[in-house]
N, C-alpha and C. Protein backbone atom coordinates (compact mmCIF):
# COMPACT_ATOMS: atom_id res chain seq x y z
N MET A 1 0.84 -1.18 0.00
CA MET A 1 0.00 0.00 0.00
C MET A 1 0.89 1.24 0.00
N GLU A 2 0.68 2.15 -1.00
CA GLU A 2 1.49 3.36 -1.10
C GLU A 2 0.72 4.52 -0.49
N ILE A 3 1.27 5.09 0.55
CA ILE A 3 0.64 6.23 1.21
C ILE A 3 0.93 7.50 0.45
N PHE A 4 2.18 7.76 0.21
CA PHE A 4 2.60 8.98 -0.47
C PHE A 4 3.87 8.66 -1.22
N SER A 5 3.95 9.11 -2.46
CA SER A 5 5.16 8.82 -3.20
C SER A 5 5.52 10.01 -4.07
N ALA A 6 6.75 10.44 -3.92
CA ALA A 6 7.28 11.49 -4.78
C ALA A 6 8.07 10.87 -5.92
N LEU A 7 8.10 9.58 -5.97
CA LEU A 7 8.84 8.83 -6.98
C LEU A 7 7.89 8.31 -8.04
N PRO A 8 8.39 7.93 -9.20
CA PRO A 8 7.52 7.35 -10.23
C PRO A 8 6.86 6.07 -9.74
N ARG A 9 5.75 5.73 -10.34
CA ARG A 9 4.92 4.62 -9.88
C ARG A 9 5.67 3.28 -9.89
N ASP A 10 6.44 3.00 -10.89
CA ASP A 10 7.11 1.71 -11.00
C ASP A 10 8.52 1.71 -10.41
N SER A 11 8.88 2.74 -9.71
CA SER A 11 10.22 2.82 -9.13
C SER A 11 10.38 1.81 -8.00
N PRO A 12 11.54 1.13 -7.93
CA PRO A 12 11.75 0.18 -6.84
C PRO A 12 11.87 0.88 -5.48
N LEU A 13 12.20 2.16 -5.48
CA LEU A 13 12.30 2.90 -4.22
C LEU A 13 10.93 3.30 -3.67
N ALA A 14 9.91 3.33 -4.53
CA ALA A 14 8.58 3.76 -4.10
C ALA A 14 8.03 2.84 -3.02
N THR A 15 8.19 1.56 -3.18
CA THR A 15 7.67 0.63 -2.17
C THR A 15 8.46 0.74 -0.87
N ASP A 16 9.78 0.96 -0.97
CA ASP A 16 10.59 1.13 0.24
C ASP A 16 10.19 2.40 1.00
N MET A 17 9.96 3.48 0.27
CA MET A 17 9.54 4.73 0.91
C MET A 17 8.17 4.56 1.57
N SER A 18 7.25 3.92 0.87
CA SER A 18 5.92 3.72 1.42
C SER A 18 5.98 2.86 2.68
N THR A 19 6.82 1.85 2.67
CA THR A 19 6.98 0.99 3.84
C THR A 19 7.56 1.76 5.01
N ALA A 20 8.55 2.61 4.74
CA ALA A 20 9.16 3.41 5.81
C ALA A 20 8.17 4.41 6.39
N ILE A 21 7.37 5.03 5.55
CA ILE A 21 6.37 5.99 6.04
C ILE A 21 5.29 5.27 6.85
N LEU A 22 4.90 4.11 6.38
CA LEU A 22 3.91 3.33 7.12
C LEU A 22 4.43 2.92 8.50
N ALA A 23 5.71 2.54 8.56
CA ALA A 23 6.31 2.17 9.85
C ALA A 23 6.37 3.38 10.78
N LEU A 24 6.69 4.55 10.25
CA LEU A 24 6.72 5.77 11.07
C LEU A 24 5.34 6.12 11.59
N SER A 25 4.33 5.94 10.77
CA SER A 25 2.98 6.28 11.21
C SER A 25 2.47 5.28 12.25
N GLU A 26 2.87 4.04 12.15
CA GLU A 26 2.40 3.03 13.11
C GLU A 26 2.98 3.25 14.51
N ASN A 27 4.25 3.66 14.59
CA ASN A 27 4.84 3.84 15.92
C ASN A 27 4.66 5.27 16.46
N GLY A 28 3.97 6.15 15.74
CA GLY A 28 3.66 7.49 16.24
C GLY A 28 4.72 8.53 15.92
N GLU A 29 5.80 8.12 15.33
CA GLU A 29 6.89 9.07 15.03
C GLU A 29 6.47 10.07 13.95
N LEU A 30 5.66 9.64 12.99
CA LEU A 30 5.18 10.54 11.94
C LEU A 30 4.35 11.67 12.53
N GLN A 31 3.53 11.40 13.51
CA GLN A 31 2.73 12.43 14.18
C GLN A 31 3.63 13.40 14.94
N ASN A 32 4.69 12.89 15.58
CA ASN A 32 5.64 13.76 16.29
C ASN A 32 6.34 14.70 15.32
N ILE A 33 6.73 14.18 14.16
CA ILE A 33 7.37 15.02 13.14
C ILE A 33 6.39 16.08 12.66
N HIS A 34 5.15 15.67 12.43
CA HIS A 34 4.12 16.62 11.99
C HIS A 34 3.90 17.71 13.03
N ASP A 35 3.79 17.33 14.29
CA ASP A 35 3.55 18.31 15.35
C ASP A 35 4.73 19.27 15.50
N LYS A 36 5.94 18.75 15.36
CA LYS A 36 7.13 19.57 15.55
C LYS A 36 7.32 20.56 14.41
N TRP A 37 7.14 20.13 13.16
CA TRP A 37 7.48 20.96 12.02
C TRP A 37 6.30 21.58 11.29
N LEU A 38 5.14 20.99 11.35
CA LEU A 38 4.03 21.48 10.54
C LEU A 38 2.84 21.98 11.33
N SER A 39 2.87 21.89 12.63
CA SER A 39 1.75 22.32 13.45
C SER A 39 1.66 23.84 13.48
N ARG A 40 0.45 24.35 13.39
CA ARG A 40 0.25 25.80 13.41
C ARG A 40 0.58 26.40 14.78
N LYS A 41 0.33 25.66 15.85
CA LYS A 41 0.64 26.17 17.18
C LYS A 41 2.12 26.40 17.34
N ALA A 42 2.93 25.47 16.87
CA ALA A 42 4.38 25.61 17.00
C ALA A 42 4.86 26.78 16.16
N CYS A 43 4.33 26.91 14.96
CA CYS A 43 4.74 28.02 14.10
C CYS A 43 4.26 29.34 14.67
N GLY A 44 3.04 29.37 15.20
CA GLY A 44 2.50 30.61 15.76
C GLY A 44 3.27 31.10 16.96
N SER A 45 3.68 30.17 17.85
CA SER A 45 4.42 30.60 19.03
C SER A 45 5.82 31.08 18.65
N GLN A 46 6.39 30.51 17.62
CA GLN A 46 7.72 30.95 17.19
C GLN A 46 7.65 32.31 16.51
N VAL A 47 6.57 32.56 15.76
CA VAL A 47 6.45 33.83 15.05
C VAL A 47 6.33 35.00 16.02
N THR A 48 5.58 34.83 17.11
CA THR A 48 5.41 35.93 18.04
C THR A 48 6.73 36.28 18.70
N GLY A 49 7.57 35.29 18.94
CA GLY A 49 8.86 35.56 19.56
C GLY A 49 9.86 36.17 18.60
N LEU A 50 9.67 35.94 17.30
CA LEU A 50 10.63 36.41 16.31
C LEU A 50 10.01 37.42 15.36
N ALA A 51 9.13 38.26 15.83
CA ALA A 51 8.45 39.22 14.97
C ALA A 51 9.42 40.21 14.36
N SER A 52 10.55 40.46 14.99
CA SER A 52 11.49 41.43 14.46
C SER A 52 12.27 40.89 13.26
N ASP A 53 12.19 39.58 13.00
CA ASP A 53 12.91 39.00 11.88
C ASP A 53 12.14 39.04 10.57
N GLN A 54 10.95 39.65 10.57
CA GLN A 54 10.17 39.73 9.35
C GLN A 54 10.83 40.69 8.36
N LEU A 55 10.69 40.38 7.07
CA LEU A 55 11.23 41.24 6.03
C LEU A 55 10.23 42.34 5.71
N ARG A 56 10.71 43.53 5.72
CA ARG A 56 9.91 44.70 5.36
C ARG A 56 10.67 45.51 4.34
N LEU A 57 10.07 46.57 3.86
CA LEU A 57 10.73 47.42 2.87
C LEU A 57 12.00 48.03 3.44
N GLN A 58 11.99 48.37 4.73
CA GLN A 58 13.18 48.95 5.36
C GLN A 58 14.32 47.93 5.42
N SER A 59 14.02 46.65 5.37
CA SER A 59 15.06 45.63 5.40
C SER A 59 15.96 45.71 4.18
N PHE A 60 15.43 46.24 3.08
CA PHE A 60 16.18 46.31 1.84
C PHE A 60 16.71 47.72 1.56
N ARG A 61 16.67 48.58 2.54
CA ARG A 61 17.10 49.97 2.36
C ARG A 61 18.55 50.03 1.88
N GLY A 62 19.43 49.27 2.48
CA GLY A 62 20.84 49.27 2.08
C GLY A 62 21.04 48.78 0.67
N LEU A 63 20.30 47.74 0.30
CA LEU A 63 20.39 47.22 -1.05
C LEU A 63 19.92 48.24 -2.08
N PHE A 64 18.80 48.91 -1.79
CA PHE A 64 18.30 49.95 -2.69
C PHE A 64 19.30 51.09 -2.80
N LEU A 65 19.92 51.45 -1.70
CA LEU A 65 20.89 52.53 -1.71
C LEU A 65 22.10 52.16 -2.56
N ILE A 66 22.61 50.95 -2.40
CA ILE A 66 23.76 50.51 -3.19
C ILE A 66 23.42 50.47 -4.67
N CYS A 67 22.25 49.92 -5.01
CA CYS A 67 21.85 49.87 -6.42
C CYS A 67 21.64 51.27 -7.00
N GLY A 68 21.06 52.16 -6.23
CA GLY A 68 20.85 53.53 -6.70
C GLY A 68 22.17 54.26 -6.94
N ILE A 69 23.09 54.11 -6.01
CA ILE A 69 24.40 54.76 -6.16
C ILE A 69 25.14 54.17 -7.36
N ALA A 70 25.11 52.85 -7.51
CA ALA A 70 25.78 52.21 -8.65
C ALA A 70 25.18 52.67 -9.97
N GLY A 71 23.86 52.75 -10.05
CA GLY A 71 23.20 53.22 -11.26
C GLY A 71 23.54 54.67 -11.57
N PHE A 72 23.54 55.51 -10.53
CA PHE A 72 23.88 56.92 -10.72
C PHE A 72 25.32 57.08 -11.19
N LEU A 73 26.25 56.34 -10.59
CA LEU A 73 27.66 56.43 -11.00
C LEU A 73 27.85 55.94 -12.43
N ALA A 74 27.14 54.87 -12.82
CA ALA A 74 27.25 54.38 -14.19
C ALA A 74 26.72 55.42 -15.18
N LEU A 75 25.61 56.07 -14.84
CA LEU A 75 25.05 57.11 -15.70
C LEU A 75 25.98 58.31 -15.78
N LEU A 76 26.55 58.69 -14.66
CA LEU A 76 27.49 59.81 -14.62
C LEU A 76 28.73 59.50 -15.45
N LEU A 77 29.26 58.29 -15.33
CA LEU A 77 30.43 57.89 -16.10
C LEU A 77 30.12 57.90 -17.59
N TYR A 78 28.96 57.38 -17.99
CA TYR A 78 28.56 57.39 -19.39
C TYR A 78 28.43 58.82 -19.91
N PHE A 79 27.84 59.68 -19.12
CA PHE A 79 27.67 61.08 -19.52
C PHE A 79 29.03 61.77 -19.68
N CYS A 80 29.96 61.51 -18.74
CA CYS A 80 31.30 62.11 -18.83
C CYS A 80 32.05 61.62 -20.06
N LEU A 81 31.93 60.33 -20.35
CA LEU A 81 32.58 59.79 -21.56
C LEU A 81 31.97 60.39 -22.82
N MET A 82 30.67 60.58 -22.81
CA MET A 82 30.01 61.18 -23.97
C MET A 82 30.48 62.62 -24.18
N ILE A 83 30.61 63.38 -23.09
CA ILE A 83 31.09 64.76 -23.19
C ILE A 83 32.53 64.79 -23.69
N ARG A 84 33.36 63.86 -23.18
CA ARG A 84 34.75 63.80 -23.62
C ARG A 84 34.85 63.51 -25.12
N GLN A 85 34.06 62.56 -25.61
CA GLN A 85 34.05 62.26 -27.04
C GLN A 85 33.55 63.45 -27.86
N PHE A 86 32.54 64.14 -27.32
CA PHE A 86 32.01 65.31 -28.01
C PHE A 86 33.06 66.41 -28.11
N ARG A 87 33.80 66.64 -27.03
CA ARG A 87 34.84 67.68 -27.05
C ARG A 87 35.98 67.32 -27.98
N GLN A 88 36.29 66.04 -28.11
CA GLN A 88 37.34 65.63 -29.04
C GLN A 88 36.88 65.81 -30.48
N ARG A 89 35.62 65.55 -30.73
CA ARG A 89 35.11 65.65 -32.10
C ARG A 89 34.79 67.09 -32.49
N PHE A 90 34.27 67.86 -31.56
CA PHE A 90 33.91 69.26 -31.81
C PHE A 90 34.61 70.14 -30.78
N PRO A 91 35.88 70.48 -31.02
CA PRO A 91 36.59 71.30 -30.03
C PRO A 91 35.99 72.70 -29.94
N GLU A 92 36.09 73.26 -28.75
CA GLU A 92 35.55 74.59 -28.50
C GLU A 92 36.47 75.63 -29.12
N GLU A 93 35.90 76.61 -29.76
CA GLU A 93 36.69 77.68 -30.37
C GLU A 93 37.10 78.67 -29.29
N PRO A 94 38.40 78.95 -29.17
CA PRO A 94 38.86 79.80 -28.07
C PRO A 94 38.41 81.25 -28.18
N ASN A 95 38.22 81.78 -29.37
CA ASN A 95 37.86 83.19 -29.50
C ASN A 95 36.35 83.43 -29.48
N ALA A 96 35.57 82.36 -29.46
CA ALA A 96 34.11 82.53 -29.44
C ALA A 96 33.65 82.88 -28.03
N SER A 97 32.85 83.91 -27.93
CA SER A 97 32.32 84.28 -26.62
C SER A 97 31.16 83.34 -26.28
N MET A 98 31.02 82.99 -25.02
CA MET A 98 29.98 82.05 -24.60
C MET A 98 28.71 82.82 -24.23
N ASN A 99 28.06 83.40 -25.21
CA ASN A 99 26.79 84.05 -24.92
C ASN A 99 25.67 83.01 -25.01
N GLY A 100 24.45 83.41 -24.78
CA GLY A 100 23.32 82.49 -24.70
C GLY A 100 23.08 81.72 -25.99
N SER A 101 23.18 82.39 -27.15
CA SER A 101 22.87 81.70 -28.41
C SER A 101 23.94 80.68 -28.77
N SER A 102 25.21 80.97 -28.48
CA SER A 102 26.26 80.00 -28.80
C SER A 102 26.19 78.79 -27.86
N ARG A 103 25.80 79.00 -26.62
CA ARG A 103 25.61 77.88 -25.69
C ARG A 103 24.47 76.98 -26.16
N PHE A 104 23.39 77.61 -26.60
CA PHE A 104 22.25 76.86 -27.09
C PHE A 104 22.63 76.06 -28.34
N THR A 105 23.39 76.68 -29.24
CA THR A 105 23.84 75.99 -30.45
C THR A 105 24.74 74.82 -30.10
N ARG A 106 25.62 75.03 -29.14
CA ARG A 106 26.53 73.96 -28.70
C ARG A 106 25.74 72.80 -28.07
N LEU A 107 24.71 73.13 -27.29
CA LEU A 107 23.86 72.11 -26.68
C LEU A 107 23.12 71.31 -27.75
N GLN A 108 22.61 72.02 -28.77
CA GLN A 108 21.94 71.33 -29.87
C GLN A 108 22.91 70.38 -30.60
N THR A 109 24.14 70.86 -30.80
CA THR A 109 25.14 70.03 -31.46
C THR A 109 25.45 68.79 -30.62
N PHE A 110 25.55 68.98 -29.30
CA PHE A 110 25.81 67.84 -28.41
C PHE A 110 24.67 66.83 -28.46
N LEU A 111 23.43 67.31 -28.42
CA LEU A 111 22.28 66.40 -28.45
C LEU A 111 22.19 65.65 -29.77
N SER A 112 22.49 66.30 -30.89
CA SER A 112 22.47 65.59 -32.17
C SER A 112 23.62 64.58 -32.23
N PHE A 113 24.77 64.92 -31.63
CA PHE A 113 25.90 63.99 -31.56
C PHE A 113 25.52 62.75 -30.76
N ALA A 114 24.88 62.93 -29.61
CA ALA A 114 24.46 61.81 -28.77
C ALA A 114 23.40 60.96 -29.49
N ASP A 115 22.50 61.61 -30.21
CA ASP A 115 21.46 60.90 -30.94
C ASP A 115 22.06 60.05 -32.05
N LYS A 116 23.05 60.59 -32.77
CA LYS A 116 23.71 59.83 -33.83
C LYS A 116 24.46 58.64 -33.26
N LYS A 117 25.09 58.81 -32.10
CA LYS A 117 25.80 57.69 -31.47
C LYS A 117 24.82 56.59 -31.09
N GLU A 118 23.65 56.97 -30.63
CA GLU A 118 22.63 55.98 -30.26
C GLU A 118 22.14 55.24 -31.50
N ASP A 119 21.96 55.94 -32.62
CA ASP A 119 21.54 55.28 -33.86
C ASP A 119 22.60 54.27 -34.32
N VAL A 120 23.87 54.63 -34.20
CA VAL A 120 24.95 53.71 -34.58
C VAL A 120 24.91 52.48 -33.69
N ARG A 121 24.70 52.66 -32.39
CA ARG A 121 24.62 51.51 -31.47
C ARG A 121 23.46 50.59 -31.83
N LYS A 122 22.31 51.18 -32.17
CA LYS A 122 21.15 50.37 -32.52
C LYS A 122 21.41 49.56 -33.79
N ARG A 123 22.04 50.19 -34.78
CA ARG A 123 22.35 49.47 -36.02
C ARG A 123 23.33 48.33 -35.75
N MET A 124 24.33 48.58 -34.91
CA MET A 124 25.31 47.54 -34.60
C MET A 124 24.63 46.39 -33.84
N SER A 125 23.71 46.73 -32.95
CA SER A 125 22.99 45.71 -32.19
C SER A 125 22.13 44.86 -33.12
N LYS A 126 21.45 45.49 -34.07
CA LYS A 126 20.64 44.75 -35.03
C LYS A 126 21.52 43.84 -35.88
N ARG A 127 22.69 44.34 -36.29
CA ARG A 127 23.60 43.55 -37.10
C ARG A 127 24.09 42.32 -36.31
N LYS A 128 24.40 42.52 -35.03
CA LYS A 128 24.85 41.40 -34.20
C LYS A 128 23.74 40.35 -34.07
N ARG A 129 22.51 40.81 -33.83
CA ARG A 129 21.39 39.88 -33.72
C ARG A 129 21.19 39.11 -35.02
N ARG A 130 21.27 39.82 -36.14
CA ARG A 130 21.09 39.18 -37.44
C ARG A 130 22.19 38.15 -37.69
N ASP A 131 23.42 38.48 -37.32
CA ASP A 131 24.52 37.54 -37.49
C ASP A 131 24.37 36.33 -36.59
N MET A 132 23.85 36.54 -35.38
CA MET A 132 23.66 35.42 -34.47
C MET A 132 22.54 34.50 -34.95
N LEU A 133 21.53 35.05 -35.61
CA LEU A 133 20.41 34.25 -36.07
C LEU A 133 20.71 33.49 -37.35
N SER A 134 21.77 33.85 -38.03
CA SER A 134 22.12 33.12 -39.25
C SER A 134 22.88 31.86 -38.87
N ASN A 135 22.64 30.81 -39.60
CA ASN A 135 23.31 29.55 -39.27
C ASN A 135 24.66 29.45 -39.97
N ASP A 136 25.35 28.34 -39.83
CA ASP A 136 26.71 28.18 -40.36
C ASP A 136 26.74 28.14 -41.88
N ASN A 137 25.69 27.73 -42.53
CA ASN A 137 25.66 27.64 -43.99
C ASN A 137 25.38 28.97 -44.66
N GLY A 138 25.17 30.01 -43.87
CA GLY A 138 24.89 31.32 -44.43
C GLY A 138 23.43 31.56 -44.71
N LYS A 139 22.57 30.60 -44.43
CA LYS A 139 21.13 30.79 -44.62
C LYS A 139 20.54 31.53 -43.44
N ARG A 140 19.57 32.33 -43.70
CA ARG A 140 18.91 33.09 -42.64
C ARG A 140 17.82 32.23 -42.01
N ILE A 141 17.82 32.22 -40.68
CA ILE A 141 16.75 31.52 -39.97
C ILE A 141 15.53 32.44 -39.89
N PHE A 142 15.77 33.68 -39.52
CA PHE A 142 14.71 34.69 -39.44
C PHE A 142 15.13 35.87 -40.29
N ASN A 143 14.19 36.51 -40.92
CA ASN A 143 14.48 37.73 -41.66
C ASN A 143 14.13 38.92 -40.80
N LEU A 144 15.10 39.79 -40.59
CA LEU A 144 14.84 40.98 -39.78
C LEU A 144 14.64 42.17 -40.67
């Protein structure tokens, strides 16, 4: 007689497990295990004593702080690298006065430079995906 089996039906271990569980239930040990580990009273009394161990949003405050700082630093680093590349490509003219219209023009130039870099990245990403989807014979699996 199989009481409970986590094994396949025809497994030779299934009968051994069923026999062992039946022996535990006959001598009362199975009930002791159930009372110790699965009883609601035991769990309830332990929970009241350990209420401070519950996970709350404040429990993850440090993790959120670390992730936020890491994300901010990555964004700042990317922005600094973008500005450095922009200055190398479009050097500032020393005799030009920095009035409002020239600053605005420079900002527009920077934004178009960043937009073009993003378009290049997207094209390269599409090309990589297309190359990965092609098989060894040169035939296309999917057409993009």
